[in-house]
Amino acid sequence: MTTVDVRLTGGGAARLPESPVLHVGAALTTVRARPLAEGYARLTVEHPLPLRLGDRAILRDPGNRTIWGVTVLDPAPPSLSRRGAARARAAALTAYDPTLAGQLASRGLVRRSLLRRLGAVDSPPRLPDGAVAAGDWLLSPERAAQLRDRLVEAVDRLATPLQPGVTEAALAHELDLPDTGLVTALVRPPLRVDGGRVLRDAADDLPPPLAASVAALRAELGPAPFAAPDAGRLAALGLDARAVAALHRSGHVLRVADGVVLLPGADDAAVEVLASLPQPFTTSEARQALATSRRVALPLLAHLDRTGRTLRLPDDRRQLRGA
């Protein structure tokens, strides 16, 4: 470590010099000292030192030989860039806690391996309730709670009707998190992860125009579940190719082929109808049993083939698998 925050004791009324000598064990080195507030300072050394939380050392003024006792409070401190940051940092150091829970609370987001090097890991290492772990990264309970609120807001702001959910990578960037695994670990209801995207769990969370289109489609397909509307009717319902693709991904409709849109579960219902036919059956027999057209029957049967519900025979007849 090349920069450490320390507590100072002794020294009387002497002023801390800019370049005192630091004695650590048998080693000594000149450091640059920056007072933070009375009794606290930041020391910067030219070469890294293996300092850990709670280590003791001595500072000596090379001019008048005044001596201060040193206790290492933070061997990996944050930068001080804003006005008043030094005094605020000294105030934070007054609540020095070398335990894993204390260090996690003060840092918010930190690598577990860093805390281990600093000597902060308790034995046995046990995370406080509410903390989040992902790989080597740890989030404090307070930071995790804040980020969960921001995560919901980010999903609501960045998701679109035609692109439900937001990628974990985009959310990691939005929340300034170093690992997408932290995004996954933060997800709680009303959010869920599906295919690498984070989206709201509400199944009917659709914009009003799309919700109305889906409701109209349900009303039309209710009495005739396999009578898929043609392209003209889909357009009249406001369901273009992009809208259908988004609704299919979110589970609001079942797209068995371009321009052939049914309700979710229609393929399972088709299997039940086809089970009543003598096995194997022809495409014409399937079409009649399903009360639909060849425009719908052919891609629906192909969908059942792809999903392993039906087996297409060399003579173009089909049978249910296991029949």
C-alpha atoms as a PDB file:
ATOM      1  CA  MET A   1       0.000   0.000   0.000  1.00  0.00           C
ATOM      2  CA  THR A   2       1.327   3.452  -0.871  1.00  0.00           C
ATOM      3  CA  THR A   3      -1.390   5.551   0.837  1.00  0.00           C
ATOM      4  CA  VAL A   4      -2.811   4.981   4.317  1.00  0.00           C
ATOM      5  CA  ASP A   5      -5.059   6.862   6.698  1.00  0.00           C
ATOM      6  CA  VAL A   6      -3.875   6.768  10.294  1.00  0.00           C
ATOM      7  CA  ARG A   7      -4.678   7.893  13.817  1.00  0.00           C
ATOM      8  CA  LEU A   8      -1.914   9.880  15.571  1.00  0.00           C
ATOM      9  CA  THR A   9      -1.187   9.979  19.275  1.00  0.00           C
ATOM     10  CA  GLY A  10       1.418  11.939  21.210  1.00  0.00           C
ATOM     11  CA  GLY A  11       3.541  14.640  19.634  1.00  0.00           C
ATOM     12  CA  GLY A  12       2.446  17.271  22.169  1.00  0.00           C
ATOM     13  CA  ALA A  13       1.705  20.603  20.558  1.00  0.00           C
ATOM     14  CA  ALA A  14       4.222  20.018  17.751  1.00  0.00           C
ATOM     15  CA  ARG A  15       3.044  20.511  14.178  1.00  0.00           C
ATOM     16  CA  LEU A  16       3.176  17.460  11.951  1.00  0.00           C
ATOM     17  CA  PRO A  17       5.938  18.042   9.367  1.00  0.00           C
ATOM     18  CA  GLU A  18       5.309  17.591   5.663  1.00  0.00           C
ATOM     19  CA  SER A  19       7.947  14.844   5.326  1.00  0.00           C
ATOM     20  CA  PRO A  20       8.322  12.872   8.557  1.00  0.00           C
ATOM     21  CA  VAL A  21      10.090   9.520   8.874  1.00  0.00           C
ATOM     22  CA  LEU A  22       7.914   6.438   9.329  1.00  0.00           C
ATOM     23  CA  HIS A  23       9.285   3.573  11.448  1.00  0.00           C
ATOM     24  CA  VAL A  24       7.538   0.228  10.791  1.00  0.00           C
ATOM     25  CA  GLY A  25       9.186  -2.652  12.562  1.00  0.00           C
ATOM     26  CA  ALA A  26      12.859  -2.564  11.598  1.00  0.00           C
ATOM     27  CA  ALA A  27      12.195  -0.510   8.440  1.00  0.00           C
ATOM     28  CA  LEU A  28      12.089   3.254   8.094  1.00  0.00           C
ATOM     29  CA  THR A  29      11.109   5.476   5.183  1.00  0.00           C
ATOM     30  CA  THR A  30      10.329   9.106   4.528  1.00  0.00           C
ATOM     31  CA  VAL A  31       6.640   9.760   3.858  1.00  0.00           C
ATOM     32  CA  ARG A  32       4.497  12.678   2.765  1.00  0.00           C
ATOM     33  CA  ALA A  33       2.021  13.586   5.510  1.00  0.00           C
ATOM     34  CA  ARG A  34      -1.302  15.364   5.019  1.00  0.00           C
ATOM     35  CA  PRO A  35      -3.213  16.269   8.198  1.00  0.00           C
ATOM     36  CA  LEU A  36      -6.925  15.451   7.945  1.00  0.00           C
ATOM     37  CA  ALA A  37      -8.011  16.842  11.296  1.00  0.00           C
ATOM     38  CA  GLU A  38      -6.558  16.843  14.786  1.00  0.00           C
ATOM     39  CA  GLY A  39      -5.310  13.351  15.495  1.00  0.00           C
ATOM     40  CA  TYR A  40      -5.710  11.999  11.940  1.00  0.00           C
ATOM     41  CA  ALA A  41      -3.472  12.106   8.863  1.00  0.00           C
ATOM     42  CA  ARG A  42      -2.945  10.599   5.439  1.00  0.00           C
ATOM     43  CA  LEU A  43       0.519   9.195   4.747  1.00  0.00           C
ATOM     44  CA  THR A  44       1.905   8.536   1.274  1.00  0.00           C
ATOM     45  CA  VAL A  45       5.050   6.460   0.749  1.00  0.00           C
ATOM     46  CA  GLU A  46       7.192   6.067  -2.371  1.00  0.00           C
ATOM     47  CA  HIS A  47       7.182   2.267  -2.293  1.00  0.00           C
ATOM     48  CA  PRO A  48       4.331  -0.042  -1.235  1.00  0.00           C
ATOM     49  CA  LEU A  49       4.313  -1.292   2.344  1.00  0.00           C
ATOM     50  CA  PRO A  50       2.404  -4.421   3.492  1.00  0.00           C
ATOM     51  CA  LEU A  51       0.329  -2.509   6.045  1.00  0.00           C
ATOM     52  CA  ARG A  52      -2.841  -3.972   7.510  1.00  0.00           C
ATOM     53  CA  LEU A  53      -5.722  -2.688   9.591  1.00  0.00           C
ATOM     54  CA  GLY A  54      -4.624  -1.938  13.130  1.00  0.00           C
ATOM     55  CA  ASP A  55      -0.873  -2.045  12.464  1.00  0.00           C
ATOM     56  CA  ARG A  56       1.198   0.154  14.763  1.00  0.00           C
ATOM     57  CA  ALA A  57       4.135   2.360  13.736  1.00  0.00           C
ATOM     58  CA  ILE A  58       5.991   5.527  14.729  1.00  0.00           C
ATOM     59  CA  LEU A  59       6.319   8.877  12.959  1.00  0.00           C
ATOM     60  CA  ARG A  60       9.385  11.005  13.718  1.00  0.00           C
ATOM     61  CA  ASP A  61      10.097  14.618  12.856  1.00  0.00           C
ATOM     62  CA  PRO A  62      13.657  14.484  11.450  1.00  0.00           C
ATOM     63  CA  GLY A  63      14.223  18.068  12.560  1.00  0.00           C
ATOM     64  CA  ASN A  64      13.271  18.203  16.240  1.00  0.00           C
ATOM     65  CA  ARG A  65      12.848  14.441  16.831  1.00  0.00           C
ATOM     66  CA  THR A  66       9.210  14.771  17.960  1.00  0.00           C
ATOM     67  CA  ILE A  67       7.521  11.374  17.901  1.00  0.00           C
ATOM     68  CA  TRP A  68       3.898  10.363  17.177  1.00  0.00           C
ATOM     69  CA  GLY A  69       2.344   6.963  17.641  1.00  0.00           C
ATOM     70  CA  VAL A  70       0.565   5.680  14.537  1.00  0.00           C
ATOM     71  CA  THR A  71      -2.378   3.274  14.204  1.00  0.00           C
ATOM     72  CA  VAL A  72      -3.304   2.243  10.664  1.00  0.00           C
ATOM     73  CA  LEU A  73      -7.049   2.739  10.146  1.00  0.00           C
ATOM     74  CA  ASP A  74      -7.327   2.325   6.372  1.00  0.00           C
ATOM     75  CA  PRO A  75      -4.540   0.922   4.158  1.00  0.00           C
ATOM     76  CA  ALA A  76      -6.666   1.502   1.016  1.00  0.00           C
ATOM     77  CA  PRO A  77      -8.423   4.848   1.516  1.00  0.00           C
ATOM     78  CA  PRO A  78     -10.598   6.726  -1.001  1.00  0.00           C
ATOM     79  CA  SER A  79      -9.230   9.716  -2.892  1.00  0.00           C
ATOM     80  CA  LEU A  80      -9.740  13.217  -1.511  1.00  0.00           C
ATOM     81  CA  SER A  81     -10.775  15.462  -4.362  1.00  0.00           C
ATOM     82  CA  ARG A  82     -13.632  17.662  -3.170  1.00  0.00           C
ATOM     83  CA  ARG A  83     -13.509  20.732  -0.949  1.00  0.00           C
ATOM     84  CA  GLY A  84     -13.883  19.715   2.695  1.00  0.00           C
ATOM     85  CA  ALA A  85     -13.134  16.064   1.899  1.00  0.00           C
ATOM     86  CA  ALA A  86     -10.246  15.884   4.387  1.00  0.00           C
ATOM     87  CA  ARG A  87     -12.366  16.912   7.367  1.00  0.00           C
ATOM     88  CA  ALA A  88     -15.200  14.608   6.289  1.00  0.00           C
ATOM     89  CA  ARG A  89     -12.714  11.768   5.972  1.00  0.00           C
ATOM     90  CA  ALA A  90     -11.389  12.388   9.482  1.00  0.00           C
ATOM     91  CA  ALA A  91     -14.947  12.290  10.831  1.00  0.00           C
ATOM     92  CA  ALA A  92     -15.488   8.933   9.108  1.00  0.00           C
ATOM     93  CA  LEU A  93     -12.288   7.562  10.639  1.00  0.00           C
ATOM     94  CA  THR A  94     -13.576   8.232  14.135  1.00  0.00           C
ATOM     95  CA  ALA A  95     -15.974   5.304  13.590  1.00  0.00           C
ATOM     96  CA  TYR A  96     -13.086   2.969  12.717  1.00  0.00           C
ATOM     97  CA  ASP A  97     -14.191  -0.677  12.750  1.00  0.00           C
ATOM     98  CA  PRO A  98     -11.667  -3.320  11.610  1.00  0.00           C
ATOM     99  CA  THR A  99     -14.230  -6.146  11.301  1.00  0.00           C
ATOM    100  CA  LEU A 100     -15.568  -7.445   8.010  1.00  0.00           C
ATOM    101  CA  ALA A 101     -18.985  -5.906   8.703  1.00  0.00           C
ATOM    102  CA  GLY A 102     -17.456  -2.573   9.667  1.00  0.00           C
ATOM    103  CA  GLN A 103     -15.198  -2.370   6.638  1.00  0.00           C
ATOM    104  CA  LEU A 104     -18.011  -3.389   4.296  1.00  0.00           C
ATOM    105  CA  ALA A 105     -20.285  -0.731   5.771  1.00  0.00           C
ATOM    106  CA  SER A 106     -17.670   2.003   5.368  1.00  0.00           C
ATOM    107  CA  ARG A 107     -16.710   1.052   1.802  1.00  0.00           C
ATOM    108  CA  GLY A 108     -20.095   0.032   0.380  1.00  0.00           C
ATOM    109  CA  LEU A 109     -18.610  -1.857  -2.586  1.00  0.00           C
ATOM    110  CA  VAL A 110     -15.334  -3.726  -2.222  1.00  0.00           C
ATOM    111  CA  ARG A 111     -13.503  -6.859  -3.292  1.00  0.00           C
ATOM    112  CA  ARG A 112     -13.464  -9.678  -0.771  1.00  0.00           C
ATOM    113  CA  SER A 113      -9.812 -10.323  -1.665  1.00  0.00           C
ATOM    114  CA  LEU A 114      -8.896  -6.720  -0.769  1.00  0.00           C
ATOM    115  CA  LEU A 115     -10.515  -7.009   2.642  1.00  0.00           C
ATOM    116  CA  ARG A 116      -8.594 -10.228   3.185  1.00  0.00           C
ATOM    117  CA  ARG A 117      -5.302  -8.502   2.326  1.00  0.00           C
ATOM    118  CA  LEU A 118      -6.168  -5.651   4.664  1.00  0.00           C
ATOM    119  CA  GLY A 119      -6.837  -8.096   7.483  1.00  0.00           C
ATOM    120  CA  ALA A 120     -10.560  -7.303   7.761  1.00  0.00           C
ATOM    121  CA  VAL A 121     -12.032 -10.764   7.204  1.00  0.00           C
ATOM    122  CA  ASP A 122     -13.500 -12.225  10.377  1.00  0.00           C
ATOM    123  CA  SER A 123     -12.907 -15.845  11.307  1.00  0.00           C
ATOM    124  CA  PRO A 124     -15.055 -17.531  10.165  1.00  0.00           C
ATOM    125  CA  PRO A 125     -15.893 -15.031   7.412  1.00  0.00           C
ATOM    126  CA  ARG A 126     -19.611 -14.256   7.686  1.00  0.00           C
ATOM    127  CA  LEU A 127     -21.357 -11.540   5.728  1.00  0.00           C
ATOM    128  CA  PRO A 128     -23.817  -9.320   7.581  1.00  0.00           C
ATOM    129  CA  ASP A 129     -27.512  -9.853   6.839  1.00  0.00           C
ATOM    130  CA  GLY A 130     -28.571  -8.040   3.685  1.00  0.00           C
ATOM    131  CA  ALA A 131     -25.087  -7.967   2.149  1.00  0.00           C
ATOM    132  CA  VAL A 132     -24.752  -9.091  -1.475  1.00  0.00           C
ATOM    133  CA  ALA A 133     -21.910 -11.205  -2.880  1.00  0.00           C
ATOM    134  CA  ALA A 134     -21.082 -11.891  -6.524  1.00  0.00           C
ATOM    135  CA  GLY A 135     -17.760 -13.524  -7.296  1.00  0.00           C
ATOM    136  CA  ASP A 136     -15.073 -11.495  -5.524  1.00  0.00           C
ATOM    137  CA  TRP A 137     -17.322  -8.450  -5.071  1.00  0.00           C
ATOM    138  CA  LEU A 138     -19.262  -7.536  -1.945  1.00  0.00           C
ATOM    139  CA  LEU A 139     -21.998  -4.934  -1.426  1.00  0.00           C
ATOM    140  CA  SER A 140     -22.938  -3.638   1.997  1.00  0.00           C
ATOM    141  CA  PRO A 141     -26.593  -4.004   3.055  1.00  0.00           C
ATOM    142  CA  GLU A 142     -27.066  -0.225   2.839  1.00  0.00           C
ATOM    143  CA  ARG A 143     -25.575   0.068  -0.652  1.00  0.00           C
ATOM    144  CA  ALA A 144     -27.511  -3.009  -1.837  1.00  0.00           C
ATOM    145  CA  ALA A 145     -30.817  -1.484  -0.695  1.00  0.00           C
ATOM    146  CA  GLN A 146     -30.051   1.768  -2.499  1.00  0.00           C
ATOM    147  CA  LEU A 147     -29.056  -0.037  -5.691  1.00  0.00           C
ATOM    148  CA  ARG A 148     -32.204  -2.181  -5.707  1.00  0.00           C
ATOM    149  CA  ASP A 149     -34.318   0.983  -5.779  1.00  0.00           C
ATOM    150  CA  ARG A 150     -32.187   2.399  -8.592  1.00  0.00           C
ATOM    151  CA  LEU A 151     -32.367  -0.911 -10.458  1.00  0.00           C
ATOM    152  CA  VAL A 152     -36.173  -0.833 -10.606  1.00  0.00           C
ATOM    153  CA  GLU A 153     -36.071   2.789 -11.778  1.00  0.00           C
ATOM    154  CA  ALA A 154     -33.483   1.987 -14.454  1.00  0.00           C
ATOM    155  CA  VAL A 155     -35.479  -0.964 -15.826  1.00  0.00           C
ATOM    156  CA  ASP A 156     -38.655   1.156 -16.006  1.00  0.00           C
ATOM    157  CA  ARG A 157     -36.766   3.973 -17.740  1.00  0.00           C
ATOM    158  CA  LEU A 158     -34.697   1.968 -20.229  1.00  0.00           C
ATOM    159  CA  ALA A 159     -37.105  -0.825 -21.229  1.00  0.00           C
ATOM    160  CA  THR A 160     -39.374  -0.256 -24.245  1.00  0.00           C
ATOM    161  CA  PRO A 161     -42.628  -1.929 -25.338  1.00  0.00           C
ATOM    162  CA  LEU A 162     -40.832  -3.616 -28.225  1.00  0.00           C
ATOM    163  CA  GLN A 163     -37.759  -4.522 -26.193  1.00  0.00           C
ATOM    164  CA  PRO A 164     -38.946  -5.679 -22.774  1.00  0.00           C
ATOM    165  CA  GLY A 165     -36.310  -5.710 -20.104  1.00  0.00           C
ATOM    166  CA  VAL A 166     -32.754  -4.391 -20.072  1.00  0.00           C
ATOM    167  CA  THR A 167     -29.508  -6.344 -20.448  1.00  0.00           C
ATOM    168  CA  GLU A 168     -27.505  -6.958 -17.300  1.00  0.00           C
ATOM    169  CA  ALA A 169     -24.480  -5.316 -18.959  1.00  0.00           C
ATOM    170  CA  ALA A 170     -26.447  -2.120 -19.622  1.00  0.00           C
ATOM    171  CA  LEU A 171     -27.704  -2.051 -16.053  1.00  0.00           C
ATOM    172  CA  ALA A 172     -24.210  -2.631 -14.646  1.00  0.00           C
ATOM    173  CA  HIS A 173     -23.059   0.423 -16.627  1.00  0.00           C
ATOM    174  CA  GLU A 174     -26.085   2.431 -15.504  1.00  0.00           C
ATOM    175  CA  LEU A 175     -25.484   1.634 -11.824  1.00  0.00           C
ATOM    176  CA  ASP A 176     -21.681   1.925 -12.116  1.00  0.00           C
ATOM    177  CA  LEU A 177     -21.160  -1.676 -11.022  1.00  0.00           C
ATOM    178  CA  PRO A 178     -17.965  -3.526 -12.002  1.00  0.00           C
ATOM    179  CA  ASP A 179     -19.576  -6.956 -12.552  1.00  0.00           C
ATOM    180  CA  THR A 180     -22.873  -8.033 -14.160  1.00  0.00           C
ATOM    181  CA  GLY A 181     -23.064 -10.731 -11.497  1.00  0.00           C
ATOM    182  CA  LEU A 182     -23.884  -7.975  -8.992  1.00  0.00           C
ATOM    183  CA  VAL A 183     -26.906  -7.000 -11.098  1.00  0.00           C
ATOM    184  CA  THR A 184     -28.137 -10.595 -11.044  1.00  0.00           C
ATOM    185  CA  ALA A 185     -27.616 -10.807  -7.288  1.00  0.00           C
ATOM    186  CA  LEU A 186     -29.567  -7.577  -6.723  1.00  0.00           C
ATOM    187  CA  VAL A 187     -32.661  -8.676  -8.630  1.00  0.00           C
ATOM    188  CA  ARG A 188     -35.715  -9.114  -6.416  1.00  0.00           C
ATOM    189  CA  PRO A 189     -39.466  -8.906  -7.135  1.00  0.00           C
ATOM    190  CA  PRO A 190     -40.959  -7.052  -8.910  1.00  0.00           C
ATOM    191  CA  LEU A 191     -37.965  -7.743 -11.198  1.00  0.00           C
ATOM    192  CA  ARG A 192     -36.771 -11.034 -12.648  1.00  0.00           C
ATOM    193  CA  VAL A 193     -33.971 -12.204 -14.954  1.00  0.00           C
ATOM    194  CA  ASP A 194     -34.915 -13.887 -18.223  1.00  0.00           C
ATOM    195  CA  GLY A 195     -32.347 -14.717 -20.897  1.00  0.00           C
ATOM    196  CA  GLY A 196     -29.773 -12.222 -19.652  1.00  0.00           C
ATOM    197  CA  ARG A 197     -32.329  -9.390 -19.442  1.00  0.00           C
ATOM    198  CA  VAL A 198     -33.884  -7.880 -16.338  1.00  0.00           C
ATOM    199  CA  LEU A 199     -37.588  -7.132 -16.617  1.00  0.00           C
ATOM    200  CA  ARG A 200     -40.625  -6.555 -14.472  1.00  0.00           C
ATOM    201  CA  ASP A 201     -42.330  -9.687 -13.264  1.00  0.00           C
ATOM    202  CA  ALA A 202     -45.841  -8.435 -13.997  1.00  0.00           C
ATOM    203  CA  ALA A 203     -47.174 -10.481 -16.928  1.00  0.00           C
ATOM    204  CA  ASP A 204     -49.641  -7.800 -18.027  1.00  0.00           C
ATOM    205  CA  ASP A 205     -47.342  -4.810 -17.703  1.00  0.00           C
ATOM    206  CA  LEU A 206     -47.951  -3.578 -21.247  1.00  0.00           C
ATOM    207  CA  PRO A 207     -48.495  -0.086 -22.635  1.00  0.00           C
ATOM    208  CA  PRO A 208     -52.226   0.585 -23.104  1.00  0.00           C
ATOM    209  CA  PRO A 209     -52.180   0.349 -26.951  1.00  0.00           C
ATOM    210  CA  LEU A 210     -50.452  -3.051 -26.929  1.00  0.00           C
ATOM    211  CA  ALA A 211     -52.613  -4.270 -24.046  1.00  0.00           C
ATOM    212  CA  ALA A 212     -55.714  -3.358 -26.072  1.00  0.00           C
ATOM    213  CA  SER A 213     -54.345  -5.196 -29.132  1.00  0.00           C
ATOM    214  CA  VAL A 214     -53.656  -8.334 -27.107  1.00  0.00           C
ATOM    215  CA  ALA A 215     -57.101  -8.158 -25.502  1.00  0.00           C
ATOM    216  CA  ALA A 216     -58.736  -7.949 -28.945  1.00  0.00           C
ATOM    217  CA  LEU A 217     -56.689 -10.907 -30.177  1.00  0.00           C
ATOM    218  CA  ARG A 218     -57.747 -12.950 -27.162  1.00  0.00           C
ATOM    219  CA  ALA A 219     -61.387 -12.123 -27.798  1.00  0.00           C
ATOM    220  CA  GLU A 220     -61.147 -13.253 -31.440  1.00  0.00           C
ATOM    221  CA  LEU A 221     -59.209 -16.446 -30.764  1.00  0.00           C
ATOM    222  CA  GLY A 222     -61.222 -17.488 -27.726  1.00  0.00           C
ATOM    223  CA  PRO A 223     -63.967 -19.335 -29.636  1.00  0.00           C
ATOM    224  CA  ALA A 224     -61.636 -20.403 -32.477  1.00  0.00           C
ATOM    225  CA  PRO A 225     -58.151 -20.899 -30.947  1.00  0.00           C
ATOM    226  CA  PHE A 226     -56.461 -21.979 -34.207  1.00  0.00           C
ATOM    227  CA  ALA A 227     -58.020 -19.402 -36.580  1.00  0.00           C
ATOM    228  CA  ALA A 228     -54.976 -17.124 -36.631  1.00  0.00           C
ATOM    229  CA  PRO A 229     -55.758 -13.691 -38.083  1.00  0.00           C
ATOM    230  CA  ASP A 230     -54.221 -12.873 -41.440  1.00  0.00           C
ATOM    231  CA  ALA A 231     -51.726 -10.073 -42.087  1.00  0.00           C
ATOM    232  CA  GLY A 232     -54.434  -7.521 -42.773  1.00  0.00           C
ATOM    233  CA  ARG A 233     -56.214  -8.230 -39.505  1.00  0.00           C
ATOM    234  CA  LEU A 234     -52.944  -8.153 -37.538  1.00  0.00           C
ATOM    235  CA  ALA A 235     -52.206  -4.736 -39.034  1.00  0.00           C
ATOM    236  CA  ALA A 236     -55.677  -3.533 -38.110  1.00  0.00           C
ATOM    237  CA  LEU A 237     -55.030  -4.663 -34.544  1.00  0.00           C
ATOM    238  CA  GLY A 238     -51.784  -2.677 -34.477  1.00  0.00           C
ATOM    239  CA  LEU A 239     -49.635  -5.804 -34.359  1.00  0.00           C
ATOM    240  CA  ASP A 240     -46.791  -5.346 -36.821  1.00  0.00           C
ATOM    241  CA  ALA A 241     -43.822  -7.726 -36.999  1.00  0.00           C
ATOM    242  CA  ARG A 242     -41.828  -5.917 -34.286  1.00  0.00           C
ATOM    243  CA  ALA A 243     -44.765  -5.794 -31.883  1.00  0.00           C
ATOM    244  CA  VAL A 244     -45.523  -9.493 -32.444  1.00  0.00           C
ATOM    245  CA  ALA A 245     -41.873 -10.418 -31.868  1.00  0.00           C
ATOM    246  CA  ALA A 246     -41.804  -8.463 -28.584  1.00  0.00           C
ATOM    247  CA  LEU A 247     -45.094  -9.966 -27.421  1.00  0.00           C
ATOM    248  CA  HIS A 248     -43.840 -13.453 -28.296  1.00  0.00           C
ATOM    249  CA  ARG A 249     -40.649 -12.907 -26.248  1.00  0.00           C
ATOM    250  CA  SER A 250     -42.655 -11.688 -23.259  1.00  0.00           C
ATOM    251  CA  GLY A 251     -45.074 -14.634 -23.478  1.00  0.00           C
ATOM    252  CA  HIS A 252     -48.198 -12.646 -24.396  1.00  0.00           C
ATOM    253  CA  VAL A 253     -48.654 -14.418 -27.757  1.00  0.00           C
ATOM    254  CA  LEU A 254     -47.352 -17.508 -29.533  1.00  0.00           C
ATOM    255  CA  ARG A 255     -45.801 -16.832 -32.928  1.00  0.00           C
ATOM    256  CA  VAL A 256     -45.453 -20.178 -34.728  1.00  0.00           C
ATOM    257  CA  ALA A 257     -44.271 -18.539 -37.973  1.00  0.00           C
ATOM    258  CA  ASP A 258     -44.132 -15.117 -39.612  1.00  0.00           C
ATOM    259  CA  GLY A 259     -47.702 -13.846 -39.787  1.00  0.00           C
ATOM    260  CA  VAL A 260     -49.149 -16.772 -37.832  1.00  0.00           C
ATOM    261  CA  VAL A 261     -49.986 -15.627 -34.310  1.00  0.00           C
ATOM    262  CA  LEU A 262     -51.919 -17.616 -31.699  1.00  0.00           C
ATOM    263  CA  LEU A 263     -52.476 -17.379 -27.974  1.00  0.00           C
ATOM    264  CA  PRO A 264     -49.974 -18.824 -25.495  1.00  0.00           C
ATOM    265  CA  GLY A 265     -50.675 -22.513 -24.931  1.00  0.00           C
ATOM    266  CA  ALA A 266     -52.309 -23.022 -28.324  1.00  0.00           C
ATOM    267  CA  ASP A 267     -49.633 -25.604 -29.208  1.00  0.00           C
ATOM    268  CA  ASP A 268     -50.474 -27.639 -26.102  1.00  0.00           C
ATOM    269  CA  ALA A 269     -54.171 -27.405 -26.960  1.00  0.00           C
ATOM    270  CA  ALA A 270     -53.397 -28.591 -30.487  1.00  0.00           C
ATOM    271  CA  VAL A 271     -51.677 -31.693 -29.130  1.00  0.00           C
ATOM    272  CA  GLU A 272     -54.813 -32.553 -27.158  1.00  0.00           C
ATOM    273  CA  VAL A 273     -56.948 -32.237 -30.305  1.00  0.00           C
ATOM    274  CA  LEU A 274     -54.557 -34.306 -32.406  1.00  0.00           C
ATOM    275  CA  ALA A 275     -54.478 -37.020 -29.756  1.00  0.00           C
ATOM    276  CA  SER A 276     -58.102 -37.800 -30.643  1.00  0.00           C
ATOM    277  CA  LEU A 277     -57.150 -38.675 -34.239  1.00  0.00           C
ATOM    278  CA  PRO A 278     -56.120 -42.133 -35.424  1.00  0.00           C
ATOM    279  CA  GLN A 279     -52.325 -42.251 -35.466  1.00  0.00           C
ATOM    280  CA  PRO A 280     -50.640 -41.417 -37.792  1.00  0.00           C
ATOM    281  CA  PHE A 281     -52.689 -38.645 -39.388  1.00  0.00           C
ATOM    282  CA  THR A 282     -52.458 -36.517 -42.515  1.00  0.00           C
ATOM    283  CA  THR A 283     -52.103 -32.744 -42.704  1.00  0.00           C
ATOM    284  CA  SER A 284     -55.663 -32.550 -44.033  1.00  0.00           C
ATOM    285  CA  GLU A 285     -57.000 -34.548 -41.089  1.00  0.00           C
ATOM    286  CA  ALA A 286     -55.108 -32.319 -38.678  1.00  0.00           C
ATOM    287  CA  ARG A 287     -56.402 -29.172 -40.377  1.00  0.00           C
ATOM    288  CA  GLN A 288     -60.000 -30.338 -40.152  1.00  0.00           C
ATOM    289  CA  ALA A 289     -59.655 -31.406 -36.515  1.00  0.00           C
ATOM    290  CA  LEU A 290     -58.145 -28.043 -35.611  1.00  0.00           C
ATOM    291  CA  ALA A 291     -60.782 -26.162 -37.625  1.00  0.00           C
ATOM    292  CA  THR A 292     -58.238 -23.994 -39.347  1.00  0.00           C
ATOM    293  CA  SER A 293     -56.671 -23.333 -42.755  1.00  0.00           C
ATOM    294  CA  ARG A 294     -53.587 -24.777 -44.384  1.00  0.00           C
ATOM    295  CA  ARG A 295     -51.947 -21.347 -43.856  1.00  0.00           C
ATOM    296  CA  VAL A 296     -52.092 -22.000 -40.117  1.00  0.00           C
ATOM    297  CA  ALA A 297     -52.014 -25.810 -39.998  1.00  0.00           C
ATOM    298  CA  LEU A 298     -48.725 -26.237 -41.844  1.00  0.00           C
ATOM    299  CA  PRO A 299     -46.580 -23.900 -39.661  1.00  0.00           C
ATOM    300  CA  LEU A 300     -48.365 -25.107 -36.510  1.00  0.00           C
ATOM    301  CA  LEU A 301     -47.527 -28.735 -37.330  1.00  0.00           C
ATOM    302  CA  ALA A 302     -43.941 -27.708 -38.157  1.00  0.00           C
ATOM    303  CA  HIS A 303     -43.784 -25.995 -34.750  1.00  0.00           C
ATOM    304  CA  LEU A 304     -44.984 -29.178 -33.077  1.00  0.00           C
ATOM    305  CA  ASP A 305     -42.278 -31.100 -34.966  1.00  0.00           C
ATOM    306  CA  ARG A 306     -39.564 -28.675 -33.794  1.00  0.00           C
ATOM    307  CA  THR A 307     -40.700 -28.788 -30.195  1.00  0.00           C
ATOM    308  CA  GLY A 308     -40.794 -32.592 -30.138  1.00  0.00           C
ATOM    309  CA  ARG A 309     -44.548 -33.065 -29.785  1.00  0.00           C
ATOM    310  CA  THR A 310     -45.057 -34.699 -33.184  1.00  0.00           C
ATOM    311  CA  LEU A 311     -42.979 -36.908 -35.476  1.00  0.00           C
ATOM    312  CA  ARG A 312     -43.111 -36.401 -39.237  1.00  0.00           C
ATOM    313  CA  LEU A 313     -43.005 -39.690 -41.148  1.00  0.00           C
ATOM    314  CA  PRO A 314     -41.467 -40.311 -44.609  1.00  0.00           C
ATOM    315  CA  ASP A 315     -44.950 -40.292 -46.253  1.00  0.00           C
ATOM    316  CA  ASP A 316     -45.619 -36.795 -44.761  1.00  0.00           C
ATOM    317  CA  ARG A 317     -48.082 -38.154 -42.230  1.00  0.00           C
ATOM    318  CA  ARG A 318     -47.469 -37.367 -38.551  1.00  0.00           C
ATOM    319  CA  GLN A 319     -48.012 -38.991 -35.222  1.00  0.00           C
ATOM    320  CA  LEU A 320     -47.721 -37.787 -31.678  1.00  0.00           C
ATOM    321  CA  ARG A 321     -44.476 -38.830 -30.055  1.00  0.00           C
ATOM    322  CA  GLY A 322     -45.095 -41.753 -27.789  1.00  0.00           C
ATOM    323  CA  ALA A 323     -48.366 -42.626 -29.515  1.00  0.00           C
END
